PDB file of N, CA and C in Angstrom:
ATOM      1  N   MET A   1      75.364  83.651  40.191  1.00  0.00           N
ATOM      2  CA  MET A   1      74.107  83.890  39.417  1.00  0.00           C
ATOM      3  C   MET A   1      74.439  84.050  37.893  1.00  0.00           C
ATOM      4  N   MET A   2      73.617  83.545  37.071  1.00  0.00           N
ATOM      5  CA  MET A   2      73.777  83.619  35.639  1.00  0.00           C
ATOM      6  C   MET A   2      73.537  85.066  35.148  1.00  0.00           C
ATOM      7  N   ASP A   3      74.270  85.383  34.130  1.00  0.00           N
ATOM      8  CA  ASP A   3      74.022  86.692  33.492  1.00  0.00           C
ATOM      9  C   ASP A   3      72.675  86.618  32.755  1.00  0.00           C
ATOM     10  N   SER A   4      72.053  87.786  32.629  1.00  0.00           N
ATOM     11  CA  SER A   4      70.688  87.783  31.975  1.00  0.00           C
ATOM     12  C   SER A   4      70.822  87.391  30.501  1.00  0.00           C
ATOM     13  N   ILE A   5      71.955  87.540  29.824  1.00  0.00           N
ATOM     14  CA  ILE A   5      72.093  87.170  28.461  1.00  0.00           C
ATOM     15  C   ILE A   5      72.027  85.619  28.355  1.00  0.00           C
ATOM     16  N   TYR A   6      72.658  84.921  29.333  1.00  0.00           N
ATOM     17  CA  TYR A   6      72.597  83.472  29.313  1.00  0.00           C
ATOM     18  C   TYR A   6      71.232  82.912  29.638  1.00  0.00           C
ATOM     19  N   ILE A   7      70.511  83.575  30.480  1.00  0.00           N
ATOM     20  CA  ILE A   7      69.165  83.207  30.779  1.00  0.00           C
ATOM     21  C   ILE A   7      68.258  83.402  29.572  1.00  0.00           C
ATOM     22  N   GLU A   8      68.478  84.468  28.815  1.00  0.00           N
ATOM     23  CA  GLU A   8      67.722  84.754  27.637  1.00  0.00           C
ATOM     24  C   GLU A   8      68.051  83.745  26.528  1.00  0.00           C
ATOM     25  N   ILE A   9      69.318  83.357  26.374  1.00  0.00           N
ATOM     26  CA  ILE A   9      69.700  82.293  25.400  1.00  0.00           C
ATOM     27  C   ILE A   9      69.039  81.021  25.782  1.00  0.00           C
ATOM     28  N   ILE A  10      68.938  80.609  26.963  1.00  0.00           N
ATOM     29  CA  ILE A  10      68.189  79.389  27.443  1.00  0.00           C
ATOM     30  C   ILE A  10      66.785  79.534  27.028  1.00  0.00           C
ATOM     31  N   GLY A  11      66.172  80.717  27.316  1.00  0.00           N
ATOM     32  CA  GLY A  11      64.787  80.974  26.935  1.00  0.00           C
ATOM     33  C   GLY A  11      64.543  80.850  25.433  1.00  0.00           C
ATOM     34  N   LEU A  12      65.478  81.394  24.652  1.00  0.00           N
ATOM     35  CA  LEU A  12      65.351  81.361  23.210  1.00  0.00           C
ATOM     36  C   LEU A  12      65.419  79.912  22.686  1.00  0.00           C
ATOM     37  N   PHE A  13      66.368  79.138  23.258  1.00  0.00           N
ATOM     38  CA  PHE A  13      66.509  77.761  22.904  1.00  0.00           C
ATOM     39  C   PHE A  13      65.280  76.935  23.248  1.00  0.00           C
ATOM     40  N   ALA A  14      64.729  77.171  24.390  1.00  0.00           N
ATOM     41  CA  ALA A  14      63.462  76.543  24.833  1.00  0.00           C
ATOM     42  C   ALA A  14      62.360  76.941  23.930  1.00  0.00           C
ATOM     43  N   ALA A  15      62.264  78.194  23.573  1.00  0.00           N
ATOM     44  CA  ALA A  15      61.197  78.736  22.733  1.00  0.00           C
ATOM     45  C   ALA A  15      61.304  78.105  21.318  1.00  0.00           C
ATOM     46  N   PHE A  16      62.515  77.973  20.824  1.00  0.00           N
ATOM     47  CA  PHE A  16      62.733  77.328  19.518  1.00  0.00           C
ATOM     48  C   PHE A  16      62.212  75.961  19.486  1.00  0.00           C
ATOM     49  N   LEU A  17      62.571  75.088  20.557  1.00  0.00           N
ATOM     50  CA  LEU A  17      62.179  73.735  20.570  1.00  0.00           C
ATOM     51  C   LEU A  17      60.607  73.596  20.685  1.00  0.00           C
ATOM     52  N   THR A  18      60.030  74.414  21.532  1.00  0.00           N
ATOM     53  CA  THR A  18      58.602  74.266  21.722  1.00  0.00           C
ATOM     54  C   THR A  18      57.815  74.821  20.501  1.00  0.00           C
ATOM     55  N   THR A  19      58.363  75.826  19.831  1.00  0.00           N
ATOM     56  CA  THR A  19      57.675  76.409  18.719  1.00  0.00           C
ATOM     57  C   THR A  19      57.760  75.479  17.474  1.00  0.00           C
ATOM     58  N   ILE A  20      58.931  74.833  17.248  1.00  0.00           N
ATOM     59  CA  ILE A  20      58.981  73.985  16.078  1.00  0.00           C
ATOM     60  C   ILE A  20      58.142  72.733  16.194  1.00  0.00           C
ATOM     61  N   GLY A  21      57.644  72.512  17.439  1.00  0.00           N
ATOM     62  CA  GLY A  21      56.723  71.391  17.632  1.00  0.00           C
ATOM     63  C   GLY A  21      55.481  71.454  16.810  1.00  0.00           C
ATOM     64  N   PHE A  22      55.115  72.651  16.319  1.00  0.00           N
ATOM     65  CA  PHE A  22      53.917  72.754  15.538  1.00  0.00           C
ATOM     66  C   PHE A  22      54.167  72.486  14.059  1.00  0.00           C
ATOM     67  N   VAL A  23      55.444  72.465  13.659  1.00  0.00           N
ATOM     68  CA  VAL A  23      55.839  72.331  12.247  1.00  0.00           C
ATOM     69  C   VAL A  23      55.411  70.915  11.703  1.00  0.00           C
ATOM     70  N   PRO A  24      55.633  69.821  12.366  1.00  0.00           N
ATOM     71  CA  PRO A  24      55.250  68.589  11.774  1.00  0.00           C
ATOM     72  C   PRO A  24      53.724  68.477  11.403  1.00  0.00           C
ATOM     73  N   GLN A  25      52.898  69.006  12.316  1.00  0.00           N
ATOM     74  CA  GLN A  25      51.443  69.003  11.978  1.00  0.00           C
ATOM     75  C   GLN A  25      51.158  69.788  10.801  1.00  0.00           C
ATOM     76  N   LEU A  26      51.710  70.979  10.722  1.00  0.00           N
ATOM     77  CA  LEU A  26      51.534  71.920   9.583  1.00  0.00           C
ATOM     78  C   LEU A  26      52.017  71.244   8.285  1.00  0.00           C
ATOM     79  N   TYR A  27      53.164  70.574   8.354  1.00  0.00           N
ATOM     80  CA  TYR A  27      53.751  69.949   7.233  1.00  0.00           C
ATOM     81  C   TYR A  27      52.878  68.796   6.693  1.00  0.00           C
ATOM     82  N   LYS A  28      52.362  67.978   7.677  1.00  0.00           N
ATOM     83  CA  LYS A  28      51.520  66.811   7.395  1.00  0.00           C
ATOM     84  C   LYS A  28      50.187  67.298   6.650  1.00  0.00           C
ATOM     85  N   ILE A  29      49.605  68.359   7.259  1.00  0.00           N
ATOM     86  CA  ILE A  29      48.319  68.873   6.646  1.00  0.00           C
ATOM     87  C   ILE A  29      48.605  69.271   5.200  1.00  0.00           C
ATOM     88  N   ARG A  30      49.705  70.058   4.995  1.00  0.00           N
ATOM     89  CA  ARG A  30      50.072  70.544   3.683  1.00  0.00           C
ATOM     90  C   ARG A  30      50.394  69.419   2.697  1.00  0.00           C
ATOM     91  N   LYS A  31      51.203  68.489   3.170  1.00  0.00           N
ATOM     92  CA  LYS A  31      51.663  67.347   2.313  1.00  0.00           C
ATOM     93  C   LYS A  31      50.499  66.484   1.882  1.00  0.00           C
ATOM     94  N   GLU A  32      49.669  66.072   2.852  1.00  0.00           N
ATOM     95  CA  GLU A  32      48.599  65.168   2.626  1.00  0.00           C
ATOM     96  C   GLU A  32      47.339  65.873   2.118  1.00  0.00           C
ATOM     97  N   ASN A  33      47.324  67.193   2.180  1.00  0.00           N
ATOM     98  CA  ASN A  33      46.114  67.974   1.806  1.00  0.00           C
ATOM     99  C   ASN A  33      44.944  67.448   2.534  1.00  0.00           C
ATOM    100  N   SER A  34      45.162  67.099   3.803  1.00  0.00           N
ATOM    101  CA  SER A  34      44.058  66.649   4.668  1.00  0.00           C
ATOM    102  C   SER A  34      44.280  67.090   6.104  1.00  0.00           C
ATOM    103  N   SER A  35      43.220  67.569   6.702  1.00  0.00           N
ATOM    104  CA  SER A  35      43.287  67.936   8.072  1.00  0.00           C
ATOM    105  C   SER A  35      42.460  67.109   8.984  1.00  0.00           C
ATOM    106  N   GLU A  36      42.099  65.954   8.446  1.00  0.00           N
ATOM    107  CA  GLU A  36      41.239  65.000   9.251  1.00  0.00           C
ATOM    108  C   GLU A  36      41.932  64.686  10.578  1.00  0.00           C
ATOM    109  N   GLY A  37      41.167  64.770  11.633  1.00  0.00           N
ATOM    110  CA  GLY A  37      41.614  64.467  12.962  1.00  0.00           C
ATOM    111  C   GLY A  37      42.261  65.645  13.647  1.00  0.00           C
ATOM    112  N   VAL A  38      42.446  66.838  13.004  1.00  0.00           N
ATOM    113  CA  VAL A  38      43.057  67.998  13.606  1.00  0.00           C
ATOM    114  C   VAL A  38      41.898  68.767  14.311  1.00  0.00           C
ATOM    115  N   SER A  39      42.146  69.072  15.580  1.00  0.00           N
ATOM    116  CA  SER A  39      41.143  69.823  16.314  1.00  0.00           C
ATOM    117  C   SER A  39      41.310  71.303  16.129  1.00  0.00           C
ATOM    118  N   LEU A  40      40.425  71.903  15.404  1.00  0.00           N
ATOM    119  CA  LEU A  40      40.412  73.359  15.128  1.00  0.00           C
ATOM    120  C   LEU A  40      40.237  74.086  16.440  1.00  0.00           C
ATOM    121  N   ARG A  41      39.370  73.569  17.314  1.00  0.00           N
ATOM    122  CA  ARG A  41      39.183  74.246  18.596  1.00  0.00           C
ATOM    123  C   ARG A  41      40.479  74.326  19.415  1.00  0.00           C
ATOM    124  N   MET A  42      41.243  73.283  19.354  1.00  0.00           N
ATOM    125  CA  MET A  42      42.520  73.279  20.107  1.00  0.00           C
ATOM    126  C   MET A  42      43.416  74.347  19.557  1.00  0.00           C
ATOM    127  N   TYR A  43      43.505  74.539  18.295  1.00  0.00           N
ATOM    128  CA  TYR A  43      44.430  75.553  17.724  1.00  0.00           C
ATOM    129  C   TYR A  43      43.951  76.969  18.035  1.00  0.00           C
ATOM    130  N   PHE A  44      42.598  77.150  18.062  1.00  0.00           N
ATOM    131  CA  PHE A  44      42.097  78.466  18.453  1.00  0.00           C
ATOM    132  C   PHE A  44      42.426  78.758  19.941  1.00  0.00           C
ATOM    133  N   ILE A  45      42.345  77.721  20.812  1.00  0.00           N
ATOM    134  CA  ILE A  45      42.684  77.915  22.236  1.00  0.00           C
ATOM    135  C   ILE A  45      44.153  78.225  22.379  1.00  0.00           C
ATOM    136  N   LEU A  46      45.009  77.465  21.656  1.00  0.00           N
ATOM    137  CA  LEU A  46      46.423  77.668  21.656  1.00  0.00           C
ATOM    138  C   LEU A  46      46.800  79.043  21.202  1.00  0.00           C
ATOM    139  N   LEU A  47      46.122  79.459  20.122  1.00  0.00           N
ATOM    140  CA  LEU A  47      46.414  80.824  19.605  1.00  0.00           C
ATOM    141  C   LEU A  47      46.084  81.912  20.586  1.00  0.00           C
ATOM    142  N   THR A  48      44.981  81.743  21.241  1.00  0.00           N
ATOM    143  CA  THR A  48      44.555  82.699  22.291  1.00  0.00           C
ATOM    144  C   THR A  48      45.651  82.754  23.379  1.00  0.00           C
ATOM    145  N   GLY A  49      46.108  81.618  23.821  1.00  0.00           N
ATOM    146  CA  GLY A  49      47.171  81.547  24.856  1.00  0.00           C
ATOM    147  C   GLY A  49      48.407  82.229  24.363  1.00  0.00           C
ATOM    148  N   VAL A  50      48.783  81.959  23.069  1.00  0.00           N
ATOM    149  CA  VAL A  50      49.962  82.536  22.497  1.00  0.00           C
ATOM    150  C   VAL A  50      49.863  84.106  22.465  1.00  0.00           C
ATOM    151  N   ILE A  51      48.689  84.592  22.162  1.00  0.00           N
ATOM    152  CA  ILE A  51      48.548  86.043  22.141  1.00  0.00           C
ATOM    153  C   ILE A  51      48.761  86.684  23.593  1.00  0.00           C
ATOM    154  N   PHE A  52      48.245  85.933  24.502  1.00  0.00           N
ATOM    155  CA  PHE A  52      48.422  86.406  25.934  1.00  0.00           C
ATOM    156  C   PHE A  52      49.919  86.279  26.335  1.00  0.00           C
ATOM    157  N   TRP A  53      50.612  85.199  25.930  1.00  0.00           N
ATOM    158  CA  TRP A  53      52.018  85.066  26.246  1.00  0.00           C
ATOM    159  C   TRP A  53      52.803  86.139  25.520  1.00  0.00           C
ATOM    160  N   PHE A  54      52.441  86.480  24.320  1.00  0.00           N
ATOM    161  CA  PHE A  54      53.137  87.614  23.606  1.00  0.00           C
ATOM    162  C   PHE A  54      53.030  88.892  24.354  1.00  0.00           C
ATOM    163  N   PHE A  55      51.850  89.221  24.803  1.00  0.00           N
ATOM    164  CA  PHE A  55      51.649  90.472  25.563  1.00  0.00           C
ATOM    165  C   PHE A  55      52.442  90.427  26.936  1.00  0.00           C
ATOM    166  N   TYR A  56      52.443  89.229  27.510  1.00  0.00           N
ATOM    167  CA  TYR A  56      53.174  89.072  28.760  1.00  0.00           C
ATOM    168  C   TYR A  56      54.701  89.319  28.493  1.00  0.00           C
ATOM    169  N   GLY A  57      55.214  88.728  27.378  1.00  0.00           N
ATOM    170  CA  GLY A  57      56.608  88.922  27.016  1.00  0.00           C
ATOM    171  C   GLY A  57      56.896  90.454  26.810  1.00  0.00           C
ATOM    172  N   LEU A  58      55.968  91.175  26.205  1.00  0.00           N
ATOM    173  CA  LEU A  58      56.179  92.641  26.062  1.00  0.00           C
ATOM    174  C   LEU A  58      56.235  93.294  27.409  1.00  0.00           C
ATOM    175  N   LEU A  59      55.349  92.921  28.255  1.00  0.00           N
ATOM    176  CA  LEU A  59      55.313  93.535  29.618  1.00  0.00           C
ATOM    177  C   LEU A  59      56.565  93.302  30.486  1.00  0.00           C
ATOM    178  N   ILE A  60      57.101  92.100  30.303  1.00  0.00           N
ATOM    179  CA  ILE A  60      58.315  91.814  31.116  1.00  0.00           C
ATOM    180  C   ILE A  60      59.591  92.072  30.298  1.00  0.00           C
ATOM    181  N   GLY A  61      59.459  92.387  29.031  1.00  0.00           N
ATOM    182  CA  GLY A  61      60.624  92.692  28.193  1.00  0.00           C
ATOM    183  C   GLY A  61      61.451  91.472  27.850  1.00  0.00           C
ATOM    184  N   SER A  62      60.835  90.328  27.669  1.00  0.00           N
ATOM    185  CA  SER A  62      61.569  89.119  27.386  1.00  0.00           C
ATOM    186  C   SER A  62      61.547  88.801  25.872  1.00  0.00           C
ATOM    187  N   LEU A  63      62.660  88.923  25.288  1.00  0.00           N
ATOM    188  CA  LEU A  63      62.813  88.645  23.867  1.00  0.00           C
ATOM    189  C   LEU A  63      62.441  87.209  23.513  1.00  0.00           C
ATOM    190  N   SER A  64      62.826  86.239  24.297  1.00  0.00           N
ATOM    191  CA  SER A  64      62.524  84.865  24.041  1.00  0.00           C
ATOM    192  C   SER A  64      61.037  84.585  24.073  1.00  0.00           C
ATOM    193  N   VAL A  65      60.273  85.161  25.005  1.00  0.00           N
ATOM    194  CA  VAL A  65      58.826  84.956  25.083  1.00  0.00           C
ATOM    195  C   VAL A  65      58.183  85.696  23.915  1.00  0.00           C
ATOM    196  N   ILE A  66      58.652  86.849  23.545  1.00  0.00           N
ATOM    197  CA  ILE A  66      58.090  87.645  22.414  1.00  0.00           C
ATOM    198  C   ILE A  66      58.248  86.885  21.099  1.00  0.00           C
ATOM    199  N   VAL A  67      59.487  86.496  20.768  1.00  0.00           N
ATOM    200  CA  VAL A  67      59.836  85.858  19.574  1.00  0.00           C
ATOM    201  C   VAL A  67      59.152  84.574  19.404  1.00  0.00           C
ATOM    202  N   ALA A  68      59.213  83.722  20.449  1.00  0.00           N
ATOM    203  CA  ALA A  68      58.550  82.363  20.440  1.00  0.00           C
ATOM    204  C   ALA A  68      57.076  82.493  20.125  1.00  0.00           C
ATOM    205  N   ASN A  69      56.436  83.429  20.742  1.00  0.00           N
ATOM    206  CA  ASN A  69      55.000  83.485  20.579  1.00  0.00           C
ATOM    207  C   ASN A  69      54.579  84.132  19.247  1.00  0.00           C
ATOM    208  N   ILE A  70      55.404  85.005  18.714  1.00  0.00           N
ATOM    209  CA  ILE A  70      55.114  85.535  17.345  1.00  0.00           C
ATOM    210  C   ILE A  70      55.192  84.337  16.326  1.00  0.00           C
ATOM    211  N   VAL A  71      56.292  83.588  16.461  1.00  0.00           N
ATOM    212  CA  VAL A  71      56.472  82.481  15.519  1.00  0.00           C
ATOM    213  C   VAL A  71      55.408  81.384  15.752  1.00  0.00           C
ATOM    214  N   ALA A  72      55.122  81.042  16.974  1.00  0.00           N
ATOM    215  CA  ALA A  72      54.067  80.076  17.243  1.00  0.00           C
ATOM    216  C   ALA A  72      52.763  80.549  16.782  1.00  0.00           C
ATOM    217  N   GLY A  73      52.416  81.816  16.923  1.00  0.00           N
ATOM    218  CA  GLY A  73      51.205  82.336  16.487  1.00  0.00           C
ATOM    219  C   GLY A  73      51.062  82.256  14.966  1.00  0.00           C
ATOM    220  N   ILE A  74      52.112  82.631  14.257  1.00  0.00           N
ATOM    221  CA  ILE A  74      52.124  82.512  12.777  1.00  0.00           C
ATOM    222  C   ILE A  74      51.858  81.052  12.306  1.00  0.00           C
ATOM    223  N   LEU A  75      52.572  80.150  13.017  1.00  0.00           N
ATOM    224  CA  LEU A  75      52.402  78.722  12.638  1.00  0.00           C
ATOM    225  C   LEU A  75      50.991  78.282  12.943  1.00  0.00           C
ATOM    226  N   GLN A  76      50.431  78.671  14.041  1.00  0.00           N
ATOM    227  CA  GLN A  76      49.067  78.252  14.336  1.00  0.00           C
ATOM    228  C   GLN A  76      48.029  78.899  13.410  1.00  0.00           C
ATOM    229  N   ILE A  77      48.291  80.134  13.015  1.00  0.00           N
ATOM    230  CA  ILE A  77      47.324  80.808  12.004  1.00  0.00           C
ATOM    231  C   ILE A  77      47.389  80.078  10.768  1.00  0.00           C
ATOM    232  N   PHE A  78      48.604  79.697  10.285  1.00  0.00           N
ATOM    233  CA  PHE A  78      48.687  78.930   9.024  1.00  0.00           C
ATOM    234  C   PHE A  78      47.996  77.534   9.156  1.00  0.00           C
ATOM    235  N   THR A  79      48.150  76.911  10.282  1.00  0.00           N
ATOM    236  CA  THR A  79      47.458  75.650  10.461  1.00  0.00           C
ATOM    237  C   THR A  79      45.929  75.871  10.448  1.00  0.00           C
ATOM    238  N   ILE A  80      45.488  76.833  11.113  1.00  0.00           N
ATOM    239  CA  ILE A  80      44.023  77.124  11.080  1.00  0.00           C
ATOM    240  C   ILE A  80      43.521  77.426   9.728  1.00  0.00           C
ATOM    241  N   ILE A  81      44.277  78.185   8.949  1.00  0.00           N
ATOM    242  CA  ILE A  81      43.848  78.507   7.562  1.00  0.00           C
ATOM    243  C   ILE A  81      43.837  77.183   6.762  1.00  0.00           C
ATOM    244  N   LEU A  82      44.818  76.381   6.869  1.00  0.00           N
ATOM    245  CA  LEU A  82      44.878  75.094   6.045  1.00  0.00           C
ATOM    246  C   LEU A  82      43.726  74.207   6.441  1.00  0.00           C
ATOM    247  N   VAL A  83      43.448  74.102   7.791  1.00  0.00           N
ATOM    248  CA  VAL A  83      42.312  73.243   8.214  1.00  0.00           C
ATOM    249  C   VAL A  83      41.005  73.730   7.673  1.00  0.00           C
ATOM    250  N   LEU A  84      40.799  75.074   7.750  1.00  0.00           N
ATOM    251  CA  LEU A  84      39.516  75.638   7.167  1.00  0.00           C
ATOM    252  C   LEU A  84      39.435  75.502   5.737  1.00  0.00           C
ATOM    253  N   ARG A  85      40.541  75.658   4.931  1.00  0.00           N
ATOM    254  CA  ARG A  85      40.497  75.451   3.516  1.00  0.00           C
ATOM    255  C   ARG A  85      40.214  73.982   3.143  1.00  0.00           C
ATOM    256  N   ASN A  86      40.827  73.058   3.890  1.00  0.00           N
ATOM    257  CA  ASN A  86      40.674  71.630   3.595  1.00  0.00           C
ATOM    258  C   ASN A  86      39.199  71.188   3.870  1.00  0.00           C
ATOM    259  N   ARG A  87      38.655  71.727   4.994  1.00  0.00           N
ATOM    260  CA  ARG A  87      37.258  71.315   5.380  1.00  0.00           C
ATOM    261  C   ARG A  87      36.339  71.995   4.403  1.00  0.00           C
ATOM    262  N   LYS A  88      36.650  73.163   3.903  1.00  0.00           N
ATOM    263  CA  LYS A  88      35.681  73.889   2.934  1.00  0.00           C
ATOM    264  C   LYS A  88      35.701  73.084   1.615  1.00  0.00           C
ATOM    265  N   THR A  89      36.808  72.572   1.185  1.00  0.00           N
ATOM    266  CA  THR A  89      36.894  71.889  -0.127  1.00  0.00           C
ATOM    267  C   THR A  89      36.343  70.459  -0.039  1.00  0.00           C
ATOM    268  N   LYS A  90      36.303  69.877   1.164  1.00  0.00           N
ATOM    269  CA  LYS A  90      35.852  68.580   1.364  1.00  0.00           C
ATOM    270  C   LYS A  90      34.266  68.496   1.448  1.00  0.00           C
ATOM    271  N   HIS A  91      33.713  69.655   1.810  1.00  0.00           N
ATOM    272  CA  HIS A  91      32.263  69.626   1.967  1.00  0.00           C
ATOM    273  C   HIS A  91      31.556  70.239   0.789  1.00  0.00           C
TER     274      HIS A  91
END
């Protein structure tokens, strides 16, 4: 059986990979100053899920779940803010 530290390292690596998946969208919105085609509803749903995953991570004491969802939540909040700003200035 694997030691819990190795299991947590695998979790942190998986968390890193899935969390950075939000970065290209955030970068594109920022670079192009356009959020056309970005679903704000999807990001609110994802953010809600991330909040629940964060609390789940706290309950089970999993560093990888906690850290991944804090970072993912921050990235999603920044994306939501940029989308709202871009839509406000376009109208």
